[in-house]
Amino acid sequence: MIVFNLSCSDCDFSFEGWFENTHDYNKQIKQGLVSCPSCNSIQIRKGLMAPNVAKKSNSKIAKRNKSIASNVKRLKKIIEKEFDYVGDKFTEEAKKIKYGEAKERAIYGEASVEQTKELMDEDIDVLPLPFSTKKTN
């Protein structure tokens, strides 16, 4: 389908017309099948229009978003399998690991912005995850 911006030569009323293709538009105009919705005149002219190229770029964006979502899911599975979940004790546990009070291992959990800044001030590497870490069970 193609959408044309149309206008009436008699009353200057502007409207849209949907056609299968340009040939179909020309055929209907020639047969007098397109009329103005305002005054019923068949003196119709095609206006300026911008090509619709959004579909192609939207499909690229959709593919990229799907790929990103797939990678996030894969990352989440790896972290949940390989890392220890420490919940809201993340800050405390990270400090214990840093200072040798707890076994060194990969952990994940929750931390507030203030807690994250505190960890960074103590040269403890932290990385925000692109998914919720809260356990529901």
Foldseek 3Di string as FASTA:
>chain_A
DDKFWKAAPPPRDIDIDDDPDPVRVVVCLVVLNDADPPPRHSRMDTDDDDDDPVVVVVVVVVVVVVVVVVVLVVVVVCCVVFAAEPAACVLVVLVCLVVVNDPDGHYDYDDDPVSVVVCVVVVRDDDDRPDDPDDPD
